[in-house]
Amino acid sequence: MQLPPAAPAGDSTAPGGASGQEEGAEGIQGVLTAVRRHLGMDVAFISHFETEERVFEYVDCAPGGPLRPLQHLAMSEGYCLKVVRGELPECIPDTSKLEAALEIPQTTSIPIGSHLSVPVRLKDGSIYGTLCCFSYLPNPALGEREMRLLHAFAEVVGLRMDERSASQRARESAAREVRDAMAKGAPRIVFQPVYNISQRAVRSFECLSRFDVAPQRPPDEWFRLADEAGVGLPLELCAIEKALQNLHAFPATCSLSVNCSPSLILSGRLEPVLSAMRVPSRVTLEITEHAIVQDYAALAASLAPLRALGAGVAVDDAGAGFASMRHILNLAPDIIKLDMSLTRNIHEDGKRRALAKGLTSFAHEIDSLVIAEGVESGDELEMLQRLDVDCAQGYFLARPLGLKEALAFSATH
């Protein structure tokens, strides 16, 4: 039988785990690579004991090696469980000299010439799995020094797994908290009027979320918590559906804007929502400056069917950072919203005026509407009008309103 090639130091497969691995996975993979390199072995892996199977969570070997990340094997097969039970020694320099090792099919099928394995224990004393490595050929030099090193590495892995378990428990707790808030009716939607400056009439409403549940947190904290817990998209979609179900109650000349993340757009879950609406052309999707976009081509492609339905696209928080300019250049938005940090005291600050004027001129060149956020004084509003900004919103004009108040407000303005 031809032996698989031994892996050179530092050459390894990708870390175990699915996409979006838990934080710290790269550190664990680095420990595993170090184990194999320092011990001069061909394959190293960390297995996790489940009820009836063990899973190779992390694997380090040459490409095309005998193991792959997330591979499952019955607990009764292989070396790991037998080592933990004391049926095999932790250190086997030459498997051909141990009858119990020769009875394991993998010893000849892989082949395994030498084998080292130690349990990975958590702080509570329970066994998480094993840290193992083997070479295709016997290695009589393996002994006490190598086992001390392997046990030390296993302690590090155990600490990492404890940290990961604590992080996972925190994520699960946060996810339950978010789902519980949603079950209690959160979020509540409020509507902030957006004025056409020259006409001093309401053009649209921005839909904002409020959380009337314990613990008290600002809306952005709830969305951040949900995102970190892996339930960000359900919460975001819930808020959007709640907001848009009220669209029919507003005058036909009035539109609603909702905040949405690139992740939600890329997920494809918005299209059915908009398709079910009678007038999706009265909906604007606001993408914040703070949203990270990894692939603008993919985002633009996902926006295309939503735009085909008539939905508009706005880039929020323009002027707050460089990301907003990338959003504008790559997404060609229908609306550009100036961040409140740019609007604040704009009548007293020449630099702010210059930047706002530049952004407004650029927006009009590409046929985008400009909305200024955070207007809190008449002086700010007057200056924005002089700078040719199209629309404005803020506490000076109107605070966010409940549905009944917003409908009454739209009827009178």
Protein backbone atom coordinates (compact mmCIF):
# COMPACT_ATOMS: atom_id res chain seq x y z
CA MET A 1 0.00 0.00 0.00
CA GLN A 2 1.33 3.43 -0.93
CA LEU A 3 1.65 5.72 2.05
CA PRO A 4 -0.05 9.13 1.96
CA PRO A 5 2.50 11.95 1.77
CA ALA A 6 3.70 13.41 5.05
CA ALA A 7 2.70 17.03 5.54
CA PRO A 8 5.40 19.69 5.69
CA ALA A 9 5.41 21.94 8.73
CA GLY A 10 2.75 24.59 8.57
CA ASP A 11 0.80 22.92 5.72
CA SER A 12 -2.70 22.18 6.96
CA THR A 13 -6.26 21.80 5.93
CA ALA A 14 -8.75 24.55 6.63
CA PRO A 15 -9.96 24.79 10.22
CA GLY A 16 -12.82 22.57 11.21
CA GLY A 17 -16.31 23.97 11.51
CA ALA A 18 -18.88 25.49 9.21
CA SER A 19 -18.81 29.00 7.84
CA GLY A 20 -19.14 31.63 10.53
CA GLN A 21 -17.23 29.56 13.08
CA GLU A 22 -17.27 30.55 16.71
CA GLU A 23 -14.86 33.20 17.92
CA GLY A 24 -11.50 31.66 18.85
CA ALA A 25 -11.60 28.88 16.25
CA GLU A 26 -8.44 30.17 14.57
CA GLY A 27 -6.65 30.01 17.92
CA ILE A 28 -7.63 26.38 18.41
CA GLN A 29 -6.52 25.55 14.88
CA GLY A 30 -3.21 27.24 15.60
CA VAL A 31 -2.73 25.08 18.69
CA LEU A 32 -3.39 21.98 16.60
CA THR A 33 -0.89 23.02 13.94
CA ALA A 34 1.70 23.59 16.66
CA VAL A 35 1.03 20.14 18.11
CA ARG A 36 1.67 18.42 14.81
CA ARG A 37 4.72 20.52 14.01
CA HIS A 38 6.43 20.08 17.39
CA LEU A 39 5.76 16.35 17.55
CA GLY A 40 6.69 15.67 13.92
CA MET A 41 3.43 13.84 13.18
CA ASP A 42 1.49 13.57 9.92
CA VAL A 43 -2.05 14.17 11.23
CA ALA A 44 -3.41 15.96 14.29
CA PHE A 45 -7.04 16.41 15.24
CA ILE A 46 -9.45 17.33 18.03
CA SER A 47 -12.47 15.09 18.32
CA HIS A 48 -15.63 15.93 20.23
CA PHE A 49 -17.53 13.13 21.93
CA GLU A 50 -21.25 13.23 21.20
CA THR A 51 -23.81 10.65 22.32
CA GLU A 52 -23.02 7.93 19.80
CA GLU A 53 -20.50 9.60 17.52
CA ARG A 54 -17.34 11.61 17.70
CA VAL A 55 -16.82 14.57 15.41
CA PHE A 56 -13.45 15.68 14.08
CA GLU A 57 -13.96 19.36 14.90
CA TYR A 58 -10.46 20.44 13.91
CA VAL A 59 -8.05 18.64 11.61
CA ASP A 60 -4.49 19.48 10.65
CA CYS A 61 -2.85 17.48 7.88
CA ALA A 62 -1.69 17.74 4.30
CA PRO A 63 -4.36 18.29 1.63
CA GLY A 64 -5.85 14.95 0.64
CA GLY A 65 -5.14 13.47 4.07
CA PRO A 66 -7.27 10.72 5.61
CA LEU A 67 -9.41 13.03 7.80
CA ARG A 68 -11.49 16.10 7.13
CA PRO A 69 -13.12 18.68 9.42
CA LEU A 70 -16.62 17.80 10.67
CA GLN A 71 -16.24 14.15 9.69
CA HIS A 72 -18.31 11.85 11.94
CA LEU A 73 -17.26 8.44 13.18
CA ALA A 74 -18.97 6.03 15.54
CA MET A 75 -17.67 6.26 19.11
CA SER A 76 -16.84 2.55 19.04
CA GLU A 77 -14.53 2.95 16.03
CA GLY A 78 -10.94 4.12 16.11
CA TYR A 79 -8.60 4.84 19.01
CA CYS A 80 -10.09 7.77 20.95
CA LEU A 81 -12.69 6.13 23.20
CA LYS A 82 -10.43 3.13 23.83
CA VAL A 83 -7.66 5.44 25.06
CA VAL A 84 -10.06 7.28 27.39
CA ARG A 85 -11.31 3.95 28.78
CA GLY A 86 -7.74 2.70 29.31
CA GLU A 87 -8.07 -0.05 26.72
CA LEU A 88 -5.19 1.48 24.75
CA PRO A 89 -2.16 3.41 26.02
CA GLU A 90 -1.97 7.15 25.34
CA CYS A 91 1.39 6.72 23.64
CA ILE A 92 1.87 4.01 20.99
CA PRO A 93 5.26 4.45 19.24
CA ASP A 94 4.71 1.39 17.01
CA THR A 95 1.17 0.11 16.44
CA SER A 96 2.47 -3.12 14.86
CA LYS A 97 3.72 -4.21 18.28
CA LEU A 98 0.35 -3.83 20.01
CA GLU A 99 -2.30 -6.46 19.32
CA ALA A 100 -5.19 -4.20 20.44
CA ALA A 101 -4.09 -1.55 17.94
CA LEU A 102 -3.85 -4.05 15.10
CA GLU A 103 -7.46 -5.07 15.74
CA ILE A 104 -8.60 -1.55 14.80
CA PRO A 105 -9.30 -1.44 11.02
CA GLN A 106 -7.95 2.10 10.59
CA THR A 107 -4.49 0.96 11.73
CA THR A 108 -3.93 -0.74 8.40
CA SER A 109 -6.39 1.12 6.16
CA ILE A 110 -4.97 4.62 6.77
CA PRO A 111 -2.27 3.36 7.87
CA ILE A 112 -1.38 4.41 11.42
CA GLY A 113 2.20 3.63 12.38
CA SER A 114 2.36 5.56 15.67
CA HIS A 115 -0.39 7.18 17.71
CA LEU A 116 -0.66 9.69 20.57
CA SER A 117 -3.94 10.59 22.27
CA VAL A 118 -4.97 12.40 25.47
CA PRO A 119 -8.38 13.44 26.82
CA VAL A 120 -9.51 17.05 26.58
CA ARG A 121 -11.12 17.89 29.92
CA LEU A 122 -13.32 20.85 30.77
CA LYS A 123 -13.16 22.77 34.06
CA ASP A 124 -15.98 20.72 35.51
CA GLY A 125 -13.96 17.54 34.96
CA SER A 126 -16.06 16.23 32.11
CA ILE A 127 -14.37 14.91 28.99
CA TYR A 128 -14.99 17.02 25.91
CA GLY A 129 -13.15 14.66 23.58
CA THR A 130 -9.55 13.94 22.69
CA LEU A 131 -6.49 15.62 21.24
CA CYS A 132 -4.78 13.09 18.99
CA CYS A 133 -2.04 12.84 16.43
CA PHE A 134 -0.50 10.02 14.46
CA SER A 135 2.11 9.31 11.83
CA TYR A 136 1.92 6.89 8.94
CA LEU A 137 5.15 5.18 10.02
CA PRO A 138 6.26 3.94 13.46
CA ASN A 139 8.25 6.41 15.56
CA PRO A 140 10.14 4.61 18.36
CA ALA A 141 11.42 7.95 19.69
CA LEU A 142 8.00 8.91 21.06
CA GLY A 143 7.87 8.86 24.81
CA GLU A 144 7.41 10.82 28.03
CA ARG A 145 8.57 14.18 26.65
CA GLU A 146 6.06 14.08 23.81
CA MET A 147 3.24 13.09 26.16
CA ARG A 148 3.99 15.97 28.55
CA LEU A 149 3.79 18.33 25.60
CA LEU A 150 0.52 16.79 24.36
CA HIS A 151 -1.07 17.02 27.83
CA ALA A 152 -0.06 20.69 28.03
CA PHE A 153 -1.65 21.37 24.67
CA ALA A 154 -4.78 19.48 25.76
CA GLU A 155 -5.11 21.82 28.76
CA VAL A 156 -4.99 24.83 26.44
CA VAL A 157 -7.64 23.28 24.20
CA GLY A 158 -9.83 22.53 27.24
CA LEU A 159 -9.65 26.17 28.32
CA ARG A 160 -10.56 27.29 24.81
CA MET A 161 -13.53 24.93 24.72
CA ASP A 162 -14.72 26.21 28.09
CA GLU A 163 -14.56 29.77 26.75
CA ARG A 164 -16.44 28.71 23.64
CA SER A 165 -19.12 26.99 25.71
CA ALA A 166 -19.56 30.10 27.85
CA SER A 167 -19.82 32.24 24.72
CA GLN A 168 -22.36 29.87 23.19
CA ARG A 169 -24.45 29.92 26.37
CA ALA A 170 -24.40 33.71 26.31
CA ARG A 171 -25.50 33.69 22.65
CA GLU A 172 -28.34 31.28 23.41
CA SER A 173 -29.45 33.41 26.37
CA ALA A 174 -29.41 36.56 24.23
CA ALA A 175 -31.34 34.82 21.46
CA ARG A 176 -34.01 33.72 23.97
CA GLU A 177 -34.20 37.28 25.28
CA VAL A 178 -34.76 38.68 21.79
CA ARG A 179 -37.34 36.03 20.90
CA ASP A 180 -39.13 36.69 24.19
CA ALA A 181 -39.22 40.42 23.42
CA MET A 182 -40.71 39.67 20.00
CA ALA A 183 -43.28 37.34 21.58
CA LYS A 184 -44.33 40.23 23.84
CA GLY A 185 -44.96 42.43 20.82
CA ALA A 186 -41.64 44.18 20.36
CA PRO A 187 -40.70 46.18 18.52
CA ARG A 188 -43.31 48.92 18.53
CA ILE A 189 -43.13 51.04 15.40
CA VAL A 190 -43.12 54.84 15.47
CA PHE A 191 -43.13 57.15 12.47
CA GLN A 192 -40.99 60.26 12.06
CA PRO A 193 -42.19 62.76 9.46
CA VAL A 194 -39.85 63.76 6.63
CA TYR A 195 -40.61 67.24 5.29
CA ASN A 196 -40.14 68.67 1.83
CA ILE A 197 -38.29 71.84 2.87
CA SER A 198 -39.47 74.18 0.14
CA GLN A 199 -43.12 73.10 0.40
CA ARG A 200 -43.07 72.59 4.20
CA ALA A 201 -45.24 69.53 3.64
CA VAL A 202 -44.80 65.92 4.78
CA ARG A 203 -43.26 63.81 2.03
CA SER A 204 -42.78 60.52 3.87
CA PHE A 205 -42.25 58.87 7.24
CA GLU A 206 -39.23 56.97 8.51
CA CYS A 207 -40.28 53.89 10.48
CA LEU A 208 -38.33 53.46 13.72
CA SER A 209 -38.39 50.70 16.32
CA ARG A 210 -39.04 51.07 20.03
CA PHE A 211 -38.75 48.36 22.66
CA ASP A 212 -41.15 48.58 25.60
CA VAL A 213 -39.84 45.45 27.33
CA ALA A 214 -37.30 44.73 30.03
CA PRO A 215 -34.40 45.11 30.21
CA GLN A 216 -34.52 48.66 28.94
CA ARG A 217 -32.12 49.16 26.04
CA PRO A 218 -31.90 51.63 23.17
CA PRO A 219 -33.17 50.15 19.86
CA ASP A 220 -29.68 49.93 18.36
CA GLU A 221 -28.57 47.85 21.36
CA TRP A 222 -31.45 45.41 20.81
CA PHE A 223 -30.54 45.01 17.15
CA ARG A 224 -26.85 44.61 17.97
CA LEU A 225 -27.66 41.97 20.59
CA ALA A 226 -29.90 40.13 18.15
CA ASP A 227 -27.24 40.19 15.45
CA GLU A 228 -24.57 38.82 17.80
CA ALA A 229 -26.97 36.10 18.96
CA GLY A 230 -27.73 35.00 15.41
CA VAL A 231 -31.35 36.26 15.36
CA GLY A 232 -30.71 39.66 13.79
CA LEU A 233 -32.51 38.92 10.53
CA PRO A 234 -35.74 37.66 12.17
CA LEU A 235 -35.90 40.77 14.37
CA GLU A 236 -35.14 43.06 11.45
CA LEU A 237 -37.74 41.39 9.23
CA CYS A 238 -40.29 41.54 12.05
CA ALA A 239 -39.78 45.30 12.38
CA ILE A 240 -40.10 45.85 8.63
CA GLU A 241 -43.27 43.75 8.33
CA LYS A 242 -44.84 45.58 11.26
CA ALA A 243 -44.02 48.94 9.72
CA LEU A 244 -45.20 48.15 6.19
CA GLN A 245 -48.49 46.61 7.25
CA ASN A 246 -49.59 50.19 8.00
CA LEU A 247 -48.70 51.61 4.59
CA HIS A 248 -52.27 51.36 3.27
CA ALA A 249 -53.49 53.65 6.08
CA PHE A 250 -51.34 56.58 4.93
CA PRO A 251 -52.29 58.92 2.07
CA ALA A 252 -51.37 57.65 -1.40
CA THR A 253 -48.87 60.50 -1.76
CA CYS A 254 -46.97 59.40 1.35
CA SER A 255 -44.23 56.76 1.42
CA LEU A 256 -42.57 54.84 4.24
CA SER A 257 -38.86 54.15 4.68
CA VAL A 258 -37.47 51.23 6.65
CA ASN A 259 -33.95 50.46 7.79
CA CYS A 260 -32.51 47.24 6.46
CA SER A 261 -29.11 45.63 6.55
CA PRO A 262 -27.16 44.31 3.56
CA SER A 263 -27.45 40.84 5.16
CA LEU A 264 -31.24 40.98 5.02
CA ILE A 265 -31.20 42.16 1.40
CA LEU A 266 -28.76 39.40 0.44
CA SER A 267 -30.90 36.79 2.22
CA GLY A 268 -33.71 37.22 -0.32
CA ARG A 269 -36.30 37.42 2.46
CA LEU A 270 -37.42 40.94 1.58
CA GLU A 271 -38.69 40.16 -1.91
CA PRO A 272 -41.73 38.10 -0.78
CA VAL A 273 -42.67 40.88 1.66
CA LEU A 274 -42.58 43.57 -1.02
CA SER A 275 -44.16 41.32 -3.67
CA ALA A 276 -47.20 40.85 -1.44
CA MET A 277 -47.76 44.60 -1.22
CA ARG A 278 -50.10 46.50 -3.52
CA VAL A 279 -47.78 49.48 -3.89
CA PRO A 280 -44.15 48.56 -3.12
CA SER A 281 -43.19 51.75 -4.97
CA ARG A 282 -44.14 53.62 -1.77
CA VAL A 283 -41.37 51.86 0.17
CA THR A 284 -37.77 53.02 0.57
CA LEU A 285 -35.04 50.74 1.91
CA GLU A 286 -32.47 52.62 3.98
CA ILE A 287 -28.96 51.16 4.16
CA THR A 288 -26.92 52.67 6.95
CA GLU A 289 -23.40 54.00 6.57
CA HIS A 290 -22.36 51.68 9.38
CA ALA A 291 -23.45 48.51 7.56
CA ILE A 292 -20.47 46.50 6.32
CA VAL A 293 -20.70 45.45 2.67
CA GLN A 294 -18.30 42.71 1.60
CA ASP A 295 -19.51 42.35 -1.99
CA TYR A 296 -21.22 45.33 -3.65
CA ALA A 297 -21.88 43.39 -6.86
CA ALA A 298 -23.84 40.76 -4.93
CA LEU A 299 -25.72 43.43 -2.98
CA ALA A 300 -26.64 45.33 -6.15
CA ALA A 301 -27.84 42.08 -7.73
CA SER A 302 -30.02 41.36 -4.68
CA LEU A 303 -31.42 44.89 -4.79
CA ALA A 304 -32.33 44.62 -8.48
CA PRO A 305 -35.57 42.60 -8.04
CA LEU A 306 -36.63 44.88 -5.18
CA ARG A 307 -36.06 47.94 -7.35
CA ALA A 308 -37.93 46.22 -10.18
CA LEU A 309 -40.93 46.05 -7.85
CA GLY A 310 -40.64 49.82 -7.44
CA ALA A 311 -38.90 50.07 -4.06
CA GLY A 312 -36.47 52.92 -3.61
CA VAL A 313 -32.99 52.72 -2.07
CA ALA A 314 -31.53 55.25 0.34
CA VAL A 315 -28.03 55.51 1.80
CA ASP A 316 -28.38 56.58 5.41
CA ASP A 317 -25.89 58.54 7.55
CA ALA A 318 -23.99 60.03 4.61
CA GLY A 319 -21.10 62.16 5.79
CA ALA A 320 -20.54 60.11 8.94
CA GLY A 321 -17.68 58.13 7.43
CA PHE A 322 -16.05 56.84 4.27
CA ALA A 323 -18.36 53.81 3.98
CA SER A 324 -21.31 55.98 2.97
CA MET A 325 -19.43 57.18 -0.11
CA ARG A 326 -18.71 53.59 -1.13
CA HIS A 327 -22.42 52.83 -0.69
CA ILE A 328 -23.36 55.81 -2.85
CA LEU A 329 -20.88 55.06 -5.64
CA ASN A 330 -21.73 51.36 -5.80
CA LEU A 331 -25.49 51.39 -5.23
CA ALA A 332 -26.63 54.57 -7.04
CA PRO A 333 -29.28 55.34 -4.39
CA ASP A 334 -32.50 57.19 -5.05
CA ILE A 335 -32.07 59.07 -1.77
CA ILE A 336 -29.00 60.23 0.18
CA LYS A 337 -29.59 61.05 3.85
CA LEU A 338 -27.16 63.47 5.49
CA ASP A 339 -26.08 62.30 8.94
CA MET A 340 -27.12 64.38 11.94
CA SER A 341 -23.46 64.96 12.80
CA LEU A 342 -23.27 66.96 9.57
CA THR A 343 -26.58 68.78 10.14
CA ARG A 344 -25.92 69.78 13.76
CA ASN A 345 -25.13 73.53 13.96
CA ILE A 346 -24.52 73.65 10.22
CA HIS A 347 -25.46 77.35 10.22
CA GLU A 348 -22.42 78.08 12.42
CA ASP A 349 -19.85 75.75 10.85
CA GLY A 350 -18.33 76.47 7.43
CA LYS A 351 -16.76 73.02 7.11
CA ARG A 352 -20.10 71.31 7.64
CA ARG A 353 -21.73 73.63 5.13
CA ALA A 354 -19.04 72.91 2.54
CA LEU A 355 -19.39 69.15 2.95
CA ALA A 356 -23.20 69.27 2.89
CA LYS A 357 -23.15 71.47 -0.20
CA GLY A 358 -20.73 69.12 -1.95
CA LEU A 359 -22.78 66.03 -1.12
CA THR A 360 -26.00 67.76 -2.19
CA SER A 361 -24.53 68.91 -5.51
CA PHE A 362 -23.18 65.42 -6.15
CA ALA A 363 -26.54 63.84 -5.24
CA HIS A 364 -28.42 66.09 -7.63
CA GLU A 365 -25.91 65.28 -10.37
CA ILE A 366 -26.85 61.59 -10.05
CA ASP A 367 -30.56 62.37 -9.66
CA SER A 368 -30.72 61.49 -5.97
CA LEU A 369 -32.94 63.25 -3.46
CA VAL A 370 -31.22 64.65 -0.34
CA ILE A 371 -32.72 64.38 3.15
CA ALA A 372 -31.04 65.99 6.18
CA GLU A 373 -31.47 64.16 9.49
CA GLY A 374 -31.42 65.49 13.03
CA VAL A 375 -32.67 69.03 12.37
CA GLU A 376 -33.20 70.68 15.76
CA SER A 377 -33.47 74.39 15.06
CA GLY A 378 -34.94 76.85 12.63
CA ASP A 379 -31.47 78.19 11.84
CA GLU A 380 -30.32 74.72 10.76
CA LEU A 381 -33.40 74.28 8.58
CA GLU A 382 -32.95 77.68 6.93
CA MET A 383 -29.32 76.94 6.13
CA LEU A 384 -30.19 73.54 4.67
CA GLN A 385 -32.73 75.20 2.38
CA ARG A 386 -30.06 77.70 1.24
CA LEU A 387 -27.80 74.73 0.45
CA ASP A 388 -30.54 73.23 -1.79
CA VAL A 389 -31.16 70.24 0.48
CA ASP A 390 -34.51 68.77 -0.59
CA CYS A 391 -35.99 67.37 2.62
CA ALA A 392 -35.41 67.29 6.36
CA GLN A 393 -36.44 65.44 9.48
CA GLY A 394 -35.73 66.04 13.15
CA TYR A 395 -37.19 67.12 16.46
CA PHE A 396 -37.56 70.74 15.30
CA LEU A 397 -40.04 69.55 12.68
CA ALA A 398 -41.66 66.62 14.50
CA ARG A 399 -40.73 63.86 16.90
CA PRO A 400 -41.44 60.20 16.07
CA LEU A 401 -45.17 59.54 16.39
CA GLY A 402 -47.38 56.59 17.14
CA LEU A 403 -49.52 55.28 14.28
CA LYS A 404 -52.70 57.25 15.13
CA GLU A 405 -50.75 60.45 15.68
CA ALA A 406 -48.78 59.93 12.44
CA LEU A 407 -51.96 59.41 10.42
CA ALA A 408 -53.53 62.55 11.90
CA PHE A 409 -50.29 64.45 11.31
CA SER A 410 -50.13 63.39 7.64
CA ALA A 411 -53.74 64.45 7.15
CA THR A 412 -53.08 67.97 8.44
CA HIS A 413 -49.62 68.50 6.93
